[in-house]
Amino acid sequence: MGMEISIIQIGNSKGLRLSKALLERYNIKDKVELILQKGQIIIKPIDKPRQGWNEAFAKMHSEGDDQLLMDEVFEDENFDEWE
């Protein structure tokens, strides 16, 4: 099934406007996956963008890969300058 949709100006970029009916029908929330394939762009809904993260984080923790790479605050950092 095909459908013609106009390209619209969004600031300095251009984009697609999807109707509320399409968003609801395909359960499109905040993100979609773009698949570039032989002269086509396929827009695919992302059902669960963070699926599997809990398992991945648990594995990282068990292997010690969840440590900070650098300190959160540097010794010479002065927060008074930020005000």
PDB file of N, CA and C in Angstrom:
ATOM      1  N   MET A   1       0.845  -1.175   0.000  1.00  0.00           N
ATOM      2  CA  MET A   1       0.000   0.000   0.000  1.00  0.00           C
ATOM      3  C   MET A   1       0.885   1.230   0.000  1.00  0.00           C
ATOM      4  N   GLY A   2       0.622   2.176  -0.874  1.00  0.00           N
ATOM      5  CA  GLY A   2       1.397   3.398  -0.949  1.00  0.00           C
ATOM      6  C   GLY A   2       0.536   4.604  -0.615  1.00  0.00           C
ATOM      7  N   MET A   3       1.187   5.695  -0.292  1.00  0.00           N
ATOM      8  CA  MET A   3       0.491   6.913   0.077  1.00  0.00           C
ATOM      9  C   MET A   3       1.399   8.085  -0.260  1.00  0.00           C
ATOM     10  N   GLU A   4       0.842   9.152  -0.773  1.00  0.00           N
ATOM     11  CA  GLU A   4       1.619  10.342  -1.093  1.00  0.00           C
ATOM     12  C   GLU A   4       1.517  11.323   0.062  1.00  0.00           C
ATOM     13  N   ILE A   5       2.691  11.779   0.544  1.00  0.00           N
ATOM     14  CA  ILE A   5       2.770  12.739   1.642  1.00  0.00           C
ATOM     15  C   ILE A   5       3.688  13.871   1.203  1.00  0.00           C
ATOM     16  N   SER A   6       3.276  15.100   1.471  1.00  0.00           N
ATOM     17  CA  SER A   6       4.081  16.264   1.094  1.00  0.00           C
ATOM     18  C   SER A   6       5.253  16.460   2.054  1.00  0.00           C
ATOM     19  N   ILE A   7       6.354  16.958   1.508  1.00  0.00           N
ATOM     20  CA  ILE A   7       7.505  17.350   2.307  1.00  0.00           C
ATOM     21  C   ILE A   7       7.255  18.781   2.765  1.00  0.00           C
ATOM     22  N   ILE A   8       7.455  19.054   4.070  1.00  0.00           N
ATOM     23  CA  ILE A   8       7.201  20.388   4.606  1.00  0.00           C
ATOM     24  C   ILE A   8       8.490  21.003   5.138  1.00  0.00           C
ATOM     25  N   GLN A   9       8.516  22.321   5.203  1.00  0.00           N
ATOM     26  CA  GLN A   9       9.655  23.057   5.742  1.00  0.00           C
ATOM     27  C   GLN A   9       9.555  23.065   7.257  1.00  0.00           C
ATOM     28  N   ILE A  10      10.650  22.712   7.940  1.00  0.00           N
ATOM     29  CA  ILE A  10      10.733  22.771   9.399  1.00  0.00           C
ATOM     30  C   ILE A  10      12.035  23.497   9.714  1.00  0.00           C
ATOM     31  N   GLY A  11      11.961  24.796   9.943  1.00  0.00           N
ATOM     32  CA  GLY A  11      13.176  25.586  10.153  1.00  0.00           C
ATOM     33  C   GLY A  11      14.032  25.535   8.914  1.00  0.00           C
ATOM     34  N   ASN A  12      15.311  25.154   9.077  1.00  0.00           N
ATOM     35  CA  ASN A  12      16.227  25.023   7.941  1.00  0.00           C
ATOM     36  C   ASN A  12      16.184  23.630   7.329  1.00  0.00           C
ATOM     37  N   SER A  13      15.370  22.750   7.906  1.00  0.00           N
ATOM     38  CA  SER A  13      15.277  21.369   7.432  1.00  0.00           C
ATOM     39  C   SER A  13      13.937  21.134   6.758  1.00  0.00           C
ATOM     40  N   LYS A  14      13.750  19.934   6.291  1.00  0.00           N
ATOM     41  CA  LYS A  14      12.468  19.525   5.729  1.00  0.00           C
ATOM     42  C   LYS A  14      12.068  18.231   6.400  1.00  0.00           C
ATOM     43  N   GLY A  15      10.771  17.951   6.438  1.00  0.00           N
ATOM     44  CA  GLY A  15      10.318  16.751   7.119  1.00  0.00           C
ATOM     45  C   GLY A  15       8.992  16.259   6.581  1.00  0.00           C
ATOM     46  N   LEU A  16       8.519  15.196   7.180  1.00  0.00           N
ATOM     47  CA  LEU A  16       7.233  14.598   6.843  1.00  0.00           C
ATOM     48  C   LEU A  16       6.275  14.848   7.997  1.00  0.00           C
ATOM     49  N   ARG A  17       5.033  15.071   7.678  1.00  0.00           N
ATOM     50  CA  ARG A  17       4.006  15.189   8.710  1.00  0.00           C
ATOM     51  C   ARG A  17       3.121  13.956   8.598  1.00  0.00           C
ATOM     52  N   LEU A  18       3.091  13.150   9.667  1.00  0.00           N
ATOM     53  CA  LEU A  18       2.270  11.958   9.687  1.00  0.00           C
ATOM     54  C   LEU A  18       0.983  12.257  10.443  1.00  0.00           C
ATOM     55  N   SER A  19      -0.125  11.810   9.913  1.00  0.00           N
ATOM     56  CA  SER A  19      -1.422  12.075  10.537  1.00  0.00           C
ATOM     57  C   SER A  19      -1.548  11.325  11.864  1.00  0.00           C
ATOM     58  N   LYS A  20      -2.433  11.809  12.706  1.00  0.00           N
ATOM     59  CA  LYS A  20      -2.699  11.165  13.980  1.00  0.00           C
ATOM     60  C   LYS A  20      -3.154   9.721  13.763  1.00  0.00           C
ATOM     61  N   ALA A  21      -3.948   9.498  12.728  1.00  0.00           N
ATOM     62  CA  ALA A  21      -4.440   8.147  12.432  1.00  0.00           C
ATOM     63  C   ALA A  21      -3.286   7.191  12.124  1.00  0.00           C
ATOM     64  N   LEU A  22      -2.297   7.646  11.331  1.00  0.00           N
ATOM     65  CA  LEU A  22      -1.132   6.804  11.034  1.00  0.00           C
ATOM     66  C   LEU A  22      -0.312   6.531  12.286  1.00  0.00           C
ATOM     67  N   LEU A  23      -0.097   7.571  13.096  1.00  0.00           N
ATOM     68  CA  LEU A  23       0.681   7.418  14.325  1.00  0.00           C
ATOM     69  C   LEU A  23       0.037   6.386  15.243  1.00  0.00           C
ATOM     70  N   GLU A  24      -1.280   6.471  15.375  1.00  0.00           N
ATOM     71  CA  GLU A  24      -1.986   5.529  16.243  1.00  0.00           C
ATOM     72  C   GLU A  24      -2.012   4.125  15.653  1.00  0.00           C
ATOM     73  N   ARG A  25      -2.283   4.033  14.359  1.00  0.00           N
ATOM     74  CA  ARG A  25      -2.388   2.711  13.721  1.00  0.00           C
ATOM     75  C   ARG A  25      -1.102   1.910  13.823  1.00  0.00           C
ATOM     76  N   TYR A  26       0.041   2.594  13.657  1.00  0.00           N
ATOM     77  CA  TYR A  26       1.326   1.905  13.673  1.00  0.00           C
ATOM     78  C   TYR A  26       2.063   2.072  15.006  1.00  0.00           C
ATOM     79  N   ASN A  27       1.371   2.623  16.011  1.00  0.00           N
ATOM     80  CA  ASN A  27       1.923   2.791  17.358  1.00  0.00           C
ATOM     81  C   ASN A  27       3.270   3.525  17.333  1.00  0.00           C
ATOM     82  N   ILE A  28       3.315   4.627  16.599  1.00  0.00           N
ATOM     83  CA  ILE A  28       4.534   5.436  16.506  1.00  0.00           C
ATOM     84  C   ILE A  28       4.504   6.440  17.642  1.00  0.00           C
ATOM     85  N   LYS A  29       5.541   6.399  18.485  1.00  0.00           N
ATOM     86  CA  LYS A  29       5.630   7.297  19.645  1.00  0.00           C
ATOM     87  C   LYS A  29       6.654   8.397  19.366  1.00  0.00           C
ATOM     88  N   ASP A  30       7.879   8.210  19.857  1.00  0.00           N
ATOM     89  CA  ASP A  30       8.908   9.247  19.774  1.00  0.00           C
ATOM     90  C   ASP A  30       9.964   8.995  18.705  1.00  0.00           C
ATOM     91  N   LYS A  31      10.150   7.732  18.324  1.00  0.00           N
ATOM     92  CA  LYS A  31      11.218   7.408  17.380  1.00  0.00           C
ATOM     93  C   LYS A  31      10.729   6.408  16.347  1.00  0.00           C
ATOM     94  N   VAL A  32      11.369   6.451  15.179  1.00  0.00           N
ATOM     95  CA  VAL A  32      11.156   5.452  14.137  1.00  0.00           C
ATOM     96  C   VAL A  32      12.528   5.028  13.615  1.00  0.00           C
ATOM     97  N   GLU A  33      12.575   3.900  12.961  1.00  0.00           N
ATOM     98  CA  GLU A  33      13.798   3.443  12.313  1.00  0.00           C
ATOM     99  C   GLU A  33      13.667   3.712  10.820  1.00  0.00           C
ATOM    100  N   LEU A  34      14.679   4.335  10.222  1.00  0.00           N
ATOM    101  CA  LEU A  34      14.705   4.546   8.780  1.00  0.00           C
ATOM    102  C   LEU A  34      15.560   3.463   8.155  1.00  0.00           C
ATOM    103  N   ILE A  35      14.997   2.749   7.198  1.00  0.00           N
ATOM    104  CA  ILE A  35      15.721   1.699   6.496  1.00  0.00           C
ATOM    105  C   ILE A  35      15.915   2.174   5.055  1.00  0.00           C
ATOM    106  N   LEU A  36      17.175   2.337   4.651  1.00  0.00           N
ATOM    107  CA  LEU A  36      17.498   2.794   3.300  1.00  0.00           C
ATOM    108  C   LEU A  36      17.759   1.558   2.455  1.00  0.00           C
ATOM    109  N   GLN A  37      16.961   1.394   1.387  1.00  0.00           N
ATOM    110  CA  GLN A  37      17.014   0.141   0.646  1.00  0.00           C
ATOM    111  C   GLN A  37      16.689   0.363  -0.826  1.00  0.00           C
ATOM    112  N   LYS A  38      17.657   0.176  -1.697  1.00  0.00           N
ATOM    113  CA  LYS A  38      17.461   0.206  -3.149  1.00  0.00           C
ATOM    114  C   LYS A  38      16.531   1.322  -3.616  1.00  0.00           C
ATOM    115  N   GLY A  39      16.907   2.574  -3.334  1.00  0.00           N
ATOM    116  CA  GLY A  39      16.119   3.706  -3.792  1.00  0.00           C
ATOM    117  C   GLY A  39      14.857   3.965  -2.995  1.00  0.00           C
ATOM    118  N   GLN A  40      14.701   3.317  -1.855  1.00  0.00           N
ATOM    119  CA  GLN A  40      13.519   3.504  -1.015  1.00  0.00           C
ATOM    120  C   GLN A  40      13.945   3.881   0.398  1.00  0.00           C
ATOM    121  N   ILE A  41      13.076   4.582   1.082  1.00  0.00           N
ATOM    122  CA  ILE A  41      13.243   4.832   2.505  1.00  0.00           C
ATOM    123  C   ILE A  41      12.029   4.228   3.182  1.00  0.00           C
ATOM    124  N   ILE A  42      12.265   3.276   4.056  1.00  0.00           N
ATOM    125  CA  ILE A  42      11.186   2.622   4.784  1.00  0.00           C
ATOM    126  C   ILE A  42      11.179   3.175   6.198  1.00  0.00           C
ATOM    127  N   ILE A  43      10.030   3.628   6.663  1.00  0.00           N
ATOM    128  CA  ILE A  43       9.881   4.132   8.025  1.00  0.00           C
ATOM    129  C   ILE A  43       9.261   3.016   8.849  1.00  0.00           C
ATOM    130  N   LYS A  44      10.004   2.543   9.853  1.00  0.00           N
ATOM    131  CA  LYS A  44       9.546   1.415  10.661  1.00  0.00           C
ATOM    132  C   LYS A  44       9.359   1.863  12.114  1.00  0.00           C
ATOM    133  N   PRO A  45       8.178   1.613  12.686  1.00  0.00           N
ATOM    134  CA  PRO A  45       7.970   1.975  14.094  1.00  0.00           C
ATOM    135  C   PRO A  45       8.940   1.223  15.000  1.00  0.00           C
ATOM    136  N   ILE A  46       9.363   1.877  16.060  1.00  0.00           N
ATOM    137  CA  ILE A  46      10.175   1.234  17.093  1.00  0.00           C
ATOM    138  C   ILE A  46       9.235   1.003  18.268  1.00  0.00           C
ATOM    139  N   ASP A  47       8.890  -0.256  18.484  1.00  0.00           N
ATOM    140  CA  ASP A  47       7.936  -0.579  19.540  1.00  0.00           C
ATOM    141  C   ASP A  47       8.515  -0.349  20.926  1.00  0.00           C
ATOM    142  N   LYS A  48       9.696  -0.881  21.162  1.00  0.00           N
ATOM    143  CA  LYS A  48      10.307  -0.790  22.486  1.00  0.00           C
ATOM    144  C   LYS A  48      11.762  -0.378  22.306  1.00  0.00           C
ATOM    145  N   PRO A  49      12.042   0.933  22.223  1.00  0.00           N
ATOM    146  CA  PRO A  49      13.408   1.376  21.924  1.00  0.00           C
ATOM    147  C   PRO A  49      14.442   0.957  22.960  1.00  0.00           C
ATOM    148  N   ARG A  50      14.023   0.659  24.210  1.00  0.00           N
ATOM    149  CA  ARG A  50      14.985   0.284  25.250  1.00  0.00           C
ATOM    150  C   ARG A  50      14.883  -1.200  25.611  1.00  0.00           C
ATOM    151  N   GLN A  51      14.288  -1.979  24.726  1.00  0.00           N
ATOM    152  CA  GLN A  51      14.128  -3.402  24.986  1.00  0.00           C
ATOM    153  C   GLN A  51      15.496  -4.060  25.149  1.00  0.00           C
ATOM    154  N   GLY A  52      15.657  -4.843  26.219  1.00  0.00           N
ATOM    155  CA  GLY A  52      16.904  -5.547  26.467  1.00  0.00           C
ATOM    156  C   GLY A  52      17.929  -4.761  27.262  1.00  0.00           C
ATOM    157  N   TRP A  53      17.647  -3.488  27.571  1.00  0.00           N
ATOM    158  CA  TRP A  53      18.617  -2.666  28.302  1.00  0.00           C
ATOM    159  C   TRP A  53      18.869  -3.209  29.704  1.00  0.00           C
ATOM    160  N   ASN A  54      17.823  -3.659  30.415  1.00  0.00           N
ATOM    161  CA  ASN A  54      18.015  -4.161  31.779  1.00  0.00           C
ATOM    162  C   ASN A  54      18.986  -5.331  31.796  1.00  0.00           C
ATOM    163  N   GLU A  55      18.820  -6.254  30.848  1.00  0.00           N
ATOM    164  CA  GLU A  55      19.712  -7.406  30.777  1.00  0.00           C
ATOM    165  C   GLU A  55      21.142  -6.968  30.440  1.00  0.00           C
ATOM    166  N   ALA A  56      21.251  -6.026  29.522  1.00  0.00           N
ATOM    167  CA  ALA A  56      22.585  -5.535  29.131  1.00  0.00           C
ATOM    168  C   ALA A  56      23.272  -4.842  30.300  1.00  0.00           C
ATOM    169  N   PHE A  57      22.514  -4.027  31.063  1.00  0.00           N
ATOM    170  CA  PHE A  57      23.102  -3.342  32.219  1.00  0.00           C
ATOM    171  C   PHE A  57      23.504  -4.343  33.301  1.00  0.00           C
ATOM    172  N   ALA A  58      22.677  -5.368  33.510  1.00  0.00           N
ATOM    173  CA  ALA A  58      23.008  -6.391  34.510  1.00  0.00           C
ATOM    174  C   ALA A  58      24.298  -7.115  34.117  1.00  0.00           C
ATOM    175  N   LYS A  59      24.443  -7.421  32.828  1.00  0.00           N
ATOM    176  CA  LYS A  59      25.658  -8.088  32.352  1.00  0.00           C
ATOM    177  C   LYS A  59      26.875  -7.172  32.516  1.00  0.00           C
ATOM    178  N   MET A  60      26.710  -5.896  32.179  1.00  0.00           N
ATOM    179  CA  MET A  60      27.808  -4.943  32.352  1.00  0.00           C
ATOM    180  C   MET A  60      28.240  -4.888  33.812  1.00  0.00           C
ATOM    181  N   HIS A  61      27.258  -4.845  34.726  1.00  0.00           N
ATOM    182  CA  HIS A  61      27.572  -4.765  36.151  1.00  0.00           C
ATOM    183  C   HIS A  61      28.318  -6.015  36.615  1.00  0.00           C
ATOM    184  N   SER A  62      27.845  -7.187  36.184  1.00  0.00           N
ATOM    185  CA  SER A  62      28.482  -8.438  36.616  1.00  0.00           C
ATOM    186  C   SER A  62      29.910  -8.551  36.097  1.00  0.00           C
ATOM    187  N   GLU A  63      30.190  -7.894  34.972  1.00  0.00           N
ATOM    188  CA  GLU A  63      31.538  -7.935  34.392  1.00  0.00           C
ATOM    189  C   GLU A  63      32.376  -6.721  34.769  1.00  0.00           C
ATOM    190  N   GLY A  64      31.811  -5.824  35.612  1.00  0.00           N
ATOM    191  CA  GLY A  64      32.556  -4.644  36.048  1.00  0.00           C
ATOM    192  C   GLY A  64      32.701  -3.580  34.982  1.00  0.00           C
ATOM    193  N   ASP A  65      31.853  -3.620  33.953  1.00  0.00           N
ATOM    194  CA  ASP A  65      31.947  -2.645  32.862  1.00  0.00           C
ATOM    195  C   ASP A  65      31.075  -1.415  33.083  1.00  0.00           C
ATOM    196  N   ASP A  66      30.535  -1.243  34.287  1.00  0.00           N
ATOM    197  CA  ASP A  66      29.644  -0.105  34.523  1.00  0.00           C
ATOM    198  C   ASP A  66      30.294   0.965  35.406  1.00  0.00           C
ATOM    199  N   GLN A  67      31.619   1.002  35.419  1.00  0.00           N
ATOM    200  CA  GLN A  67      32.338   1.995  36.210  1.00  0.00           C
ATOM    201  C   GLN A  67      32.498   3.286  35.405  1.00  0.00           C
ATOM    202  N   LEU A  68      32.541   4.426  36.122  1.00  0.00           N
ATOM    203  CA  LEU A  68      32.763   5.709  35.456  1.00  0.00           C
ATOM    204  C   LEU A  68      34.147   5.735  34.820  1.00  0.00           C
ATOM    205  N   LEU A  69      34.220   6.315  33.639  1.00  0.00           N
ATOM    206  CA  LEU A  69      35.507   6.419  32.955  1.00  0.00           C
ATOM    207  C   LEU A  69      36.317   7.602  33.466  1.00  0.00           C
ATOM    208  N   MET A  70      35.625   8.589  34.054  1.00  0.00           N
ATOM    209  CA  MET A  70      36.306   9.733  34.645  1.00  0.00           C
ATOM    210  C   MET A  70      35.478  10.191  35.836  1.00  0.00           C
ATOM    211  N   ASP A  71      36.097  10.961  36.728  1.00  0.00           N
ATOM    212  CA  ASP A  71      35.391  11.461  37.898  1.00  0.00           C
ATOM    213  C   ASP A  71      34.234  12.358  37.477  1.00  0.00           C
ATOM    214  N   GLU A  72      33.167  12.356  38.296  1.00  0.00           N
ATOM    215  CA  GLU A  72      32.016  13.220  37.997  1.00  0.00           C
ATOM    216  C   GLU A  72      32.379  14.690  38.135  1.00  0.00           C
ATOM    217  N   VAL A  73      33.217  15.022  39.123  1.00  0.00           N
ATOM    218  CA  VAL A  73      33.634  16.401  39.366  1.00  0.00           C
ATOM    219  C   VAL A  73      35.157  16.422  39.382  1.00  0.00           C
ATOM    220  N   PHE A  74      35.714  17.366  38.652  1.00  0.00           N
ATOM    221  CA  PHE A  74      37.159  17.512  38.637  1.00  0.00           C
ATOM    222  C   PHE A  74      37.605  18.318  39.849  1.00  0.00           C
ATOM    223  N   GLU A  75      38.794  18.031  40.357  1.00  0.00           N
ATOM    224  CA  GLU A  75      39.293  18.691  41.560  1.00  0.00           C
ATOM    225  C   GLU A  75      39.353  20.204  41.406  1.00  0.00           C
ATOM    226  N   ASP A  76      39.696  20.692  40.215  1.00  0.00           N
ATOM    227  CA  ASP A  76      39.849  22.135  40.013  1.00  0.00           C
ATOM    228  C   ASP A  76      38.580  22.800  39.489  1.00  0.00           C
ATOM    229  N   GLU A  77      37.467  22.080  39.497  1.00  0.00           N
ATOM    230  CA  GLU A  77      36.209  22.625  38.964  1.00  0.00           C
ATOM    231  C   GLU A  77      35.615  23.609  39.965  1.00  0.00           C
ATOM    232  N   ASN A  78      35.187  24.767  39.482  1.00  0.00           N
ATOM    233  CA  ASN A  78      34.626  25.805  40.338  1.00  0.00           C
ATOM    234  C   ASN A  78      33.201  26.075  39.906  1.00  0.00           C
ATOM    235  N   PHE A  79      32.242  25.619  40.714  1.00  0.00           N
ATOM    236  CA  PHE A  79      30.830  25.779  40.345  1.00  0.00           C
ATOM    237  C   PHE A  79      30.345  27.222  40.485  1.00  0.00           C
ATOM    238  N   ASP A  80      31.100  28.065  41.217  1.00  0.00           N
ATOM    239  CA  ASP A  80      30.709  29.477  41.363  1.00  0.00           C
ATOM    240  C   ASP A  80      30.738  30.190  40.014  1.00  0.00           C
ATOM    241  N   GLU A  81      31.585  29.739  39.095  1.00  0.00           N
ATOM    242  CA  GLU A  81      31.694  30.354  37.776  1.00  0.00           C
ATOM    243  C   GLU A  81      30.460  30.085  36.921  1.00  0.00           C
ATOM    244  N   TRP A  82      29.650  29.107  37.288  1.00  0.00           N
ATOM    245  CA  TRP A  82      28.492  28.697  36.481  1.00  0.00           C
ATOM    246  C   TRP A  82      27.286  29.589  36.750  1.00  0.00           C
ATOM    247  N   GLU A  83      27.315  30.362  37.818  1.00  0.00           N
ATOM    248  CA  GLU A  83      26.150  31.187  38.175  1.00  0.00           C
ATOM    249  C   GLU A  83      26.122  32.484  37.419  1.00  0.00           C
TER     250      GLU A  83
END
